[in-house]
Amino acid sequence: MLASRVQADESPVINMTPMVDVILCLLVFFMAATRLYDWDENEFVVRVPEVSDAAPLTAAPEDLMLTISRPGTVAVGDKTLDLDGLVVLLREARGRYVNQGVVIRGDASLTYQDLADVLSACDEAGIQNVRLPVRSRDEHSSAEEAPAVR
């Protein structure tokens, strides 16, 4: 009998009063805080900065397409230049646009020295944006096997 009475007295009790107090305090806090953000933006006199009329931005020029046709000879568009003429052309292009890009193409049968000469001319002119387009061997072999289209 005594054991059952001890168990009945020790049953857990959850006191809800502190939790209700905390919830009411949070409710009052959020109600007061939302009133602070109810200002009209016209209440403050603010002078916004002014700017002058800006010129339209120009797009970057297209990359120059350099095609190594023979050792020491490079085609740029419809012009064929030697390496010294290429350096002059690239310097003029870099003078117009500092980040001028260059794409160097050439036949796969050319030597590495031919490519190195053109890369050296680009470096001498200050061109840093250089790309070398390549294609995978699968594309090359399928292009040889495909019949010519007329």
N, C-alpha and C. Protein backbone atom coordinates (compact mmCIF):
# COMPACT_ATOMS: atom_id res chain seq x y z
N MET A 1 0.81 -1.17 0.00
CA MET A 1 0.00 0.00 0.00
C MET A 1 0.86 1.24 0.00
N LEU A 2 1.88 1.23 0.76
CA LEU A 2 2.78 2.37 0.86
C LEU A 2 3.49 2.60 -0.48
N ALA A 3 3.82 1.53 -1.17
CA ALA A 3 4.52 1.65 -2.45
C ALA A 3 3.64 2.31 -3.50
N SER A 4 2.37 2.00 -3.55
CA SER A 4 1.48 2.61 -4.55
C SER A 4 1.26 4.09 -4.26
N ARG A 5 1.26 4.47 -2.99
CA ARG A 5 1.08 5.87 -2.63
C ARG A 5 2.32 6.70 -3.01
N VAL A 6 3.52 6.15 -2.91
CA VAL A 6 4.76 6.84 -3.27
C VAL A 6 4.80 7.07 -4.77
N GLN A 7 4.36 6.08 -5.56
CA GLN A 7 4.35 6.23 -7.01
C GLN A 7 3.37 7.30 -7.45
N ALA A 8 2.24 7.41 -6.80
CA ALA A 8 1.24 8.41 -7.17
C ALA A 8 1.75 9.81 -6.88
N ASP A 9 2.53 10.00 -5.81
CA ASP A 9 3.06 11.31 -5.46
C ASP A 9 4.20 11.74 -6.38
N GLU A 10 4.92 10.79 -6.98
CA GLU A 10 6.09 11.11 -7.78
C GLU A 10 5.79 11.24 -9.27
N SER A 11 4.59 11.27 -9.68
CA SER A 11 4.29 11.40 -11.11
C SER A 11 4.75 12.79 -11.59
N PRO A 12 5.34 12.86 -12.77
CA PRO A 12 5.89 14.13 -13.27
C PRO A 12 4.78 15.14 -13.58
N VAL A 13 5.08 16.38 -13.26
CA VAL A 13 4.13 17.46 -13.51
C VAL A 13 4.84 18.52 -14.34
N ILE A 14 4.23 18.95 -15.42
CA ILE A 14 4.80 20.00 -16.26
C ILE A 14 4.16 21.31 -15.87
N ASN A 15 5.00 22.23 -15.44
CA ASN A 15 4.52 23.54 -15.04
C ASN A 15 4.47 24.44 -16.28
N MET A 16 3.31 24.85 -16.72
CA MET A 16 3.12 25.61 -17.94
C MET A 16 3.30 27.12 -17.73
N THR A 17 3.34 27.58 -16.53
CA THR A 17 3.40 29.02 -16.27
C THR A 17 4.65 29.68 -16.86
N PRO A 18 5.86 29.14 -16.69
CA PRO A 18 7.03 29.81 -17.28
C PRO A 18 6.99 29.82 -18.80
N MET A 19 6.46 28.77 -19.41
CA MET A 19 6.38 28.74 -20.86
C MET A 19 5.40 29.78 -21.39
N VAL A 20 4.28 29.94 -20.72
CA VAL A 20 3.30 30.95 -21.13
C VAL A 20 3.89 32.34 -20.94
N ASP A 21 4.65 32.56 -19.87
CA ASP A 21 5.30 33.86 -19.65
C ASP A 21 6.27 34.19 -20.78
N VAL A 22 7.06 33.22 -21.18
CA VAL A 22 8.04 33.43 -22.27
C VAL A 22 7.32 33.74 -23.57
N ILE A 23 6.27 33.00 -23.90
CA ILE A 23 5.52 33.23 -25.13
C ILE A 23 4.91 34.62 -25.14
N LEU A 24 4.33 35.05 -24.02
CA LEU A 24 3.74 36.38 -23.96
C LEU A 24 4.81 37.47 -24.10
N CYS A 25 5.97 37.27 -23.50
CA CYS A 25 7.05 38.25 -23.65
C CYS A 25 7.51 38.35 -25.10
N LEU A 26 7.65 37.20 -25.78
CA LEU A 26 8.02 37.22 -27.19
C LEU A 26 6.96 37.89 -28.05
N LEU A 27 5.72 37.65 -27.74
CA LEU A 27 4.63 38.27 -28.48
C LEU A 27 4.67 39.79 -28.34
N VAL A 28 4.85 40.27 -27.13
CA VAL A 28 4.94 41.72 -26.91
C VAL A 28 6.16 42.30 -27.62
N PHE A 29 7.28 41.60 -27.56
CA PHE A 29 8.50 42.08 -28.22
C PHE A 29 8.29 42.21 -29.73
N PHE A 30 7.74 41.18 -30.37
CA PHE A 30 7.54 41.23 -31.81
C PHE A 30 6.49 42.26 -32.21
N MET A 31 5.48 42.46 -31.38
CA MET A 31 4.49 43.50 -31.69
C MET A 31 5.13 44.88 -31.64
N ALA A 32 6.00 45.12 -30.68
CA ALA A 32 6.67 46.41 -30.57
C ALA A 32 7.69 46.59 -31.71
N ALA A 33 8.39 45.52 -32.06
CA ALA A 33 9.42 45.61 -33.10
C ALA A 33 8.82 45.88 -34.46
N THR A 34 7.67 45.32 -34.76
CA THR A 34 7.06 45.57 -36.07
C THR A 34 6.58 47.00 -36.21
N ARG A 35 6.26 47.65 -35.14
CA ARG A 35 5.86 49.05 -35.20
C ARG A 35 7.05 49.95 -35.56
N LEU A 36 8.26 49.53 -35.24
CA LEU A 36 9.43 50.33 -35.56
C LEU A 36 9.68 50.40 -37.06
N TYR A 37 9.31 49.38 -37.79
CA TYR A 37 9.55 49.34 -39.23
C TYR A 37 8.38 49.86 -40.04
N ASP A 38 7.49 50.56 -39.42
CA ASP A 38 6.31 51.06 -40.10
C ASP A 38 6.50 52.51 -40.55
N TRP A 39 7.75 52.97 -40.67
CA TRP A 39 8.00 54.34 -41.06
C TRP A 39 7.76 54.51 -42.55
N ASP A 40 7.33 55.68 -42.87
CA ASP A 40 7.16 56.04 -44.28
C ASP A 40 8.51 56.54 -44.79
N GLU A 41 8.94 56.09 -45.97
CA GLU A 41 10.26 56.47 -46.44
C GLU A 41 10.35 57.95 -46.81
N ASN A 42 9.23 58.63 -46.93
CA ASN A 42 9.26 60.06 -47.22
C ASN A 42 9.54 60.88 -45.97
N GLU A 43 9.58 60.27 -44.81
CA GLU A 43 9.86 60.99 -43.58
C GLU A 43 11.29 61.50 -43.54
N PHE A 44 12.20 60.82 -44.23
CA PHE A 44 13.61 61.18 -44.19
C PHE A 44 13.97 61.96 -45.44
N VAL A 45 14.71 63.02 -45.26
CA VAL A 45 15.17 63.81 -46.40
C VAL A 45 16.56 63.32 -46.76
N VAL A 46 16.66 62.71 -47.91
CA VAL A 46 17.92 62.14 -48.36
C VAL A 46 18.18 62.62 -49.78
N ARG A 47 19.41 63.07 -50.01
CA ARG A 47 19.80 63.44 -51.38
C ARG A 47 20.58 62.27 -51.97
N VAL A 48 20.07 61.73 -53.03
CA VAL A 48 20.72 60.60 -53.67
C VAL A 48 21.83 61.12 -54.59
N PRO A 49 22.91 60.36 -54.75
CA PRO A 49 23.99 60.82 -55.62
C PRO A 49 23.52 60.89 -57.07
N GLU A 50 24.13 61.81 -57.81
CA GLU A 50 23.78 62.00 -59.21
C GLU A 50 24.96 61.60 -60.08
N VAL A 51 24.66 61.13 -61.28
CA VAL A 51 25.72 60.77 -62.22
C VAL A 51 25.49 61.51 -63.52
N SER A 52 26.56 61.68 -64.26
CA SER A 52 26.43 62.32 -65.57
C SER A 52 25.99 61.27 -66.58
N ASP A 53 25.63 61.73 -67.74
CA ASP A 53 25.24 60.79 -68.79
C ASP A 53 26.46 59.99 -69.21
N ALA A 54 26.36 58.69 -69.12
CA ALA A 54 27.48 57.81 -69.46
C ALA A 54 27.38 57.41 -70.92
N ALA A 55 28.53 57.26 -71.52
CA ALA A 55 28.57 56.80 -72.91
C ALA A 55 28.21 55.32 -72.95
N PRO A 56 27.64 54.86 -74.04
CA PRO A 56 27.29 53.44 -74.11
C PRO A 56 28.55 52.58 -74.10
N LEU A 57 28.42 51.44 -73.46
CA LEU A 57 29.54 50.51 -73.42
C LEU A 57 29.69 49.84 -74.78
N THR A 58 30.91 49.67 -75.20
CA THR A 58 31.14 49.01 -76.48
C THR A 58 31.51 47.56 -76.23
N ALA A 59 31.12 46.73 -77.13
CA ALA A 59 31.42 45.30 -77.00
C ALA A 59 32.88 45.05 -77.36
N ALA A 60 33.42 44.02 -76.80
CA ALA A 60 34.79 43.64 -77.11
C ALA A 60 34.86 43.16 -78.56
N PRO A 61 35.95 43.48 -79.25
CA PRO A 61 36.06 43.02 -80.64
C PRO A 61 36.23 41.52 -80.70
N GLU A 62 35.92 40.97 -81.84
CA GLU A 62 36.07 39.53 -82.01
C GLU A 62 37.55 39.15 -82.01
N ASP A 63 37.83 37.90 -81.67
CA ASP A 63 39.20 37.43 -81.68
C ASP A 63 39.74 37.41 -83.11
N LEU A 64 41.01 37.74 -83.25
CA LEU A 64 41.65 37.67 -84.56
C LEU A 64 41.93 36.20 -84.89
N MET A 65 41.60 35.79 -86.09
CA MET A 65 41.82 34.41 -86.52
C MET A 65 43.12 34.37 -87.31
N LEU A 66 44.15 33.77 -86.73
CA LEU A 66 45.44 33.64 -87.39
C LEU A 66 45.55 32.22 -87.94
N THR A 67 45.79 32.11 -89.24
CA THR A 67 45.92 30.80 -89.87
C THR A 67 47.34 30.67 -90.40
N ILE A 68 48.07 29.70 -89.87
CA ILE A 68 49.44 29.47 -90.33
C ILE A 68 49.35 28.70 -91.64
N SER A 69 49.66 29.39 -92.74
CA SER A 69 49.53 28.74 -94.04
C SER A 69 50.82 28.02 -94.44
N ARG A 70 51.96 28.66 -94.22
CA ARG A 70 53.28 28.06 -94.47
C ARG A 70 54.19 28.49 -93.33
N PRO A 71 55.31 27.85 -93.17
CA PRO A 71 56.25 28.29 -92.13
C PRO A 71 56.67 29.75 -92.36
N GLY A 72 56.44 30.59 -91.34
CA GLY A 72 56.81 32.00 -91.42
C GLY A 72 55.77 32.87 -92.09
N THR A 73 54.63 32.31 -92.49
CA THR A 73 53.58 33.06 -93.17
C THR A 73 52.26 32.81 -92.47
N VAL A 74 51.56 33.90 -92.16
CA VAL A 74 50.31 33.81 -91.42
C VAL A 74 49.24 34.60 -92.18
N ALA A 75 48.06 34.00 -92.32
CA ALA A 75 46.93 34.68 -92.95
C ALA A 75 46.02 35.22 -91.85
N VAL A 76 45.71 36.52 -91.96
CA VAL A 76 44.78 37.17 -91.04
C VAL A 76 43.68 37.77 -91.90
N GLY A 77 42.52 37.15 -91.88
CA GLY A 77 41.44 37.59 -92.77
C GLY A 77 41.86 37.33 -94.21
N ASP A 78 41.89 38.38 -95.03
CA ASP A 78 42.30 38.21 -96.42
C ASP A 78 43.75 38.65 -96.64
N LYS A 79 44.46 39.04 -95.58
CA LYS A 79 45.86 39.47 -95.68
C LYS A 79 46.78 38.30 -95.36
N THR A 80 47.89 38.24 -96.06
CA THR A 80 48.93 37.27 -95.75
C THR A 80 50.16 38.05 -95.30
N LEU A 81 50.63 37.74 -94.09
CA LEU A 81 51.72 38.51 -93.48
C LEU A 81 52.86 37.59 -93.10
N ASP A 82 54.07 38.19 -93.07
CA ASP A 82 55.19 37.47 -92.47
C ASP A 82 55.15 37.73 -90.97
N LEU A 83 56.09 37.16 -90.22
CA LEU A 83 56.04 37.27 -88.76
C LEU A 83 56.23 38.72 -88.29
N ASP A 84 57.10 39.49 -88.97
CA ASP A 84 57.30 40.89 -88.57
C ASP A 84 56.03 41.71 -88.81
N GLY A 85 55.38 41.49 -89.94
CA GLY A 85 54.12 42.18 -90.23
C GLY A 85 53.03 41.78 -89.25
N LEU A 86 53.06 40.52 -88.82
CA LEU A 86 52.09 40.04 -87.83
C LEU A 86 52.26 40.75 -86.50
N VAL A 87 53.51 40.97 -86.08
CA VAL A 87 53.76 41.67 -84.82
C VAL A 87 53.21 43.09 -84.89
N VAL A 88 53.42 43.76 -86.02
CA VAL A 88 52.90 45.13 -86.18
C VAL A 88 51.38 45.14 -86.12
N LEU A 89 50.73 44.19 -86.82
CA LEU A 89 49.27 44.12 -86.82
C LEU A 89 48.74 43.84 -85.42
N LEU A 90 49.39 42.92 -84.69
CA LEU A 90 48.93 42.58 -83.35
C LEU A 90 49.13 43.74 -82.37
N ARG A 91 50.20 44.50 -82.54
CA ARG A 91 50.41 45.67 -81.68
C ARG A 91 49.32 46.72 -81.92
N GLU A 92 48.96 46.92 -83.17
CA GLU A 92 47.89 47.87 -83.49
C GLU A 92 46.56 47.40 -82.89
N ALA A 93 46.28 46.11 -82.99
CA ALA A 93 45.04 45.56 -82.44
C ALA A 93 45.03 45.69 -80.92
N ARG A 94 46.18 45.44 -80.27
CA ARG A 94 46.26 45.57 -78.82
C ARG A 94 46.16 47.04 -78.40
N GLY A 95 46.62 47.95 -79.25
CA GLY A 95 46.49 49.38 -78.96
C GLY A 95 45.03 49.82 -78.96
N ARG A 96 44.22 49.20 -79.81
CA ARG A 96 42.78 49.53 -79.84
C ARG A 96 42.03 48.88 -78.69
N TYR A 97 42.42 47.66 -78.33
CA TYR A 97 41.74 46.94 -77.24
C TYR A 97 42.78 46.11 -76.51
N VAL A 98 42.95 46.39 -75.22
CA VAL A 98 44.04 45.80 -74.44
C VAL A 98 43.91 44.28 -74.34
N ASN A 99 42.71 43.76 -74.19
CA ASN A 99 42.51 42.31 -74.04
C ASN A 99 42.16 41.64 -75.35
N GLN A 100 42.74 42.08 -76.44
CA GLN A 100 42.46 41.51 -77.75
C GLN A 100 42.79 40.02 -77.74
N GLY A 101 41.86 39.21 -78.23
CA GLY A 101 42.05 37.78 -78.28
C GLY A 101 42.53 37.32 -79.64
N VAL A 102 43.22 36.20 -79.66
CA VAL A 102 43.76 35.64 -80.89
C VAL A 102 43.48 34.14 -80.90
N VAL A 103 43.05 33.63 -82.05
CA VAL A 103 42.86 32.20 -82.26
C VAL A 103 43.85 31.78 -83.33
N ILE A 104 44.72 30.85 -82.99
CA ILE A 104 45.76 30.39 -83.93
C ILE A 104 45.35 29.03 -84.48
N ARG A 105 45.20 28.99 -85.81
CA ARG A 105 44.86 27.73 -86.48
C ARG A 105 46.00 27.34 -87.40
N GLY A 106 46.09 26.09 -87.67
CA GLY A 106 47.11 25.61 -88.60
C GLY A 106 46.86 24.16 -88.93
N ASP A 107 47.47 23.73 -90.00
CA ASP A 107 47.33 22.35 -90.41
C ASP A 107 48.07 21.44 -89.44
N ALA A 108 47.59 20.24 -89.27
CA ALA A 108 48.20 19.30 -88.33
C ALA A 108 49.60 18.89 -88.77
N SER A 109 49.92 19.07 -90.05
CA SER A 109 51.23 18.65 -90.55
C SER A 109 52.32 19.69 -90.29
N LEU A 110 51.96 20.87 -89.82
CA LEU A 110 52.96 21.89 -89.53
C LEU A 110 53.81 21.47 -88.33
N THR A 111 55.02 21.99 -88.28
CA THR A 111 55.90 21.64 -87.17
C THR A 111 55.57 22.51 -85.96
N TYR A 112 56.05 22.05 -84.83
CA TYR A 112 55.84 22.80 -83.60
C TYR A 112 56.56 24.15 -83.66
N GLN A 113 57.66 24.22 -84.39
CA GLN A 113 58.41 25.47 -84.50
C GLN A 113 57.57 26.54 -85.19
N ASP A 114 56.74 26.16 -86.16
CA ASP A 114 55.88 27.13 -86.84
C ASP A 114 54.89 27.75 -85.85
N LEU A 115 54.32 26.92 -84.99
CA LEU A 115 53.40 27.42 -83.96
C LEU A 115 54.15 28.27 -82.95
N ALA A 116 55.34 27.84 -82.57
CA ALA A 116 56.13 28.59 -81.59
C ALA A 116 56.49 29.97 -82.12
N ASP A 117 56.76 30.09 -83.43
CA ASP A 117 57.08 31.40 -84.01
C ASP A 117 55.89 32.34 -83.91
N VAL A 118 54.69 31.85 -84.18
CA VAL A 118 53.49 32.69 -84.10
C VAL A 118 53.19 33.04 -82.64
N LEU A 119 53.36 32.08 -81.73
CA LEU A 119 53.17 32.37 -80.30
C LEU A 119 54.17 33.42 -79.82
N SER A 120 55.39 33.36 -80.31
CA SER A 120 56.41 34.34 -79.96
C SER A 120 56.03 35.72 -80.48
N ALA A 121 55.47 35.79 -81.69
CA ALA A 121 55.01 37.07 -82.23
C ALA A 121 53.88 37.64 -81.38
N CYS A 122 52.97 36.79 -80.91
CA CYS A 122 51.88 37.24 -80.04
C CYS A 122 52.44 37.77 -78.73
N ASP A 123 53.43 37.08 -78.18
CA ASP A 123 54.05 37.51 -76.93
C ASP A 123 54.78 38.83 -77.11
N GLU A 124 55.45 39.00 -78.22
CA GLU A 124 56.18 40.23 -78.51
C GLU A 124 55.22 41.42 -78.64
N ALA A 125 54.02 41.17 -79.17
CA ALA A 125 53.03 42.23 -79.32
C ALA A 125 52.26 42.48 -78.03
N GLY A 126 52.43 41.62 -77.03
CA GLY A 126 51.74 41.80 -75.75
C GLY A 126 50.38 41.15 -75.68
N ILE A 127 50.06 40.29 -76.65
CA ILE A 127 48.78 39.58 -76.65
C ILE A 127 48.87 38.44 -75.66
N GLN A 128 47.92 38.40 -74.72
CA GLN A 128 47.94 37.34 -73.70
C GLN A 128 46.77 36.37 -73.86
N ASN A 129 45.72 36.79 -74.56
CA ASN A 129 44.53 35.97 -74.73
C ASN A 129 44.67 35.16 -76.02
N VAL A 130 45.31 33.99 -75.93
CA VAL A 130 45.59 33.16 -77.10
C VAL A 130 44.89 31.82 -76.94
N ARG A 131 44.20 31.41 -78.01
CA ARG A 131 43.53 30.10 -77.99
C ARG A 131 44.01 29.28 -79.18
N LEU A 132 44.04 27.97 -78.99
CA LEU A 132 44.41 27.03 -80.05
C LEU A 132 43.27 26.05 -80.24
N PRO A 133 42.49 26.17 -81.31
CA PRO A 133 41.38 25.23 -81.49
C PRO A 133 41.89 23.87 -81.95
N VAL A 134 41.32 22.84 -81.38
CA VAL A 134 41.65 21.46 -81.76
C VAL A 134 40.36 20.67 -81.87
N ARG A 135 40.46 19.51 -82.48
CA ARG A 135 39.30 18.62 -82.50
C ARG A 135 39.79 17.23 -82.12
N SER A 136 38.86 16.41 -81.68
CA SER A 136 39.24 15.08 -81.20
C SER A 136 39.62 14.19 -82.38
N ARG A 137 40.35 13.14 -82.09
CA ARG A 137 40.76 12.21 -83.14
C ARG A 137 39.55 11.51 -83.76
N ASP A 138 38.49 11.31 -82.98
CA ASP A 138 37.29 10.65 -83.51
C ASP A 138 36.68 11.48 -84.63
N GLU A 139 36.62 12.80 -84.43
CA GLU A 139 36.08 13.66 -85.48
C GLU A 139 36.95 13.61 -86.72
N HIS A 140 38.27 13.56 -86.52
CA HIS A 140 39.20 13.55 -87.64
C HIS A 140 39.06 12.27 -88.46
N SER A 141 38.96 11.13 -87.79
CA SER A 141 38.85 9.86 -88.50
C SER A 141 37.49 9.74 -89.18
N SER A 142 36.43 10.23 -88.56
CA SER A 142 35.11 10.15 -89.20
C SER A 142 35.03 11.11 -90.39
N ALA A 143 35.76 12.23 -90.35
CA ALA A 143 35.76 13.15 -91.48
C ALA A 143 36.50 12.55 -92.68
N GLU A 144 37.53 11.73 -92.42
CA GLU A 144 38.25 11.07 -93.52
C GLU A 144 37.41 9.97 -94.14
N GLU A 145 36.61 9.26 -93.34
CA GLU A 145 35.81 8.15 -93.84
C GLU A 145 34.54 8.63 -94.54
N ALA A 146 34.04 9.78 -94.19
CA ALA A 146 32.78 10.26 -94.78
C ALA A 146 33.01 10.67 -96.23
N PRO A 147 32.06 10.34 -97.10
CA PRO A 147 32.21 10.75 -98.50
C PRO A 147 32.03 12.26 -98.64
N ALA A 148 32.70 12.82 -99.63
CA ALA A 148 32.61 14.26 -99.86
C ALA A 148 31.21 14.63 -100.36
N VAL A 149 30.67 15.71 -99.83
CA VAL A 149 29.35 16.18 -100.23
C VAL A 149 29.52 17.27 -101.26
N ARG A 150 28.79 17.19 -102.37
CA ARG A 150 28.91 18.21 -103.41
C ARG A 150 27.70 19.08 -103.46
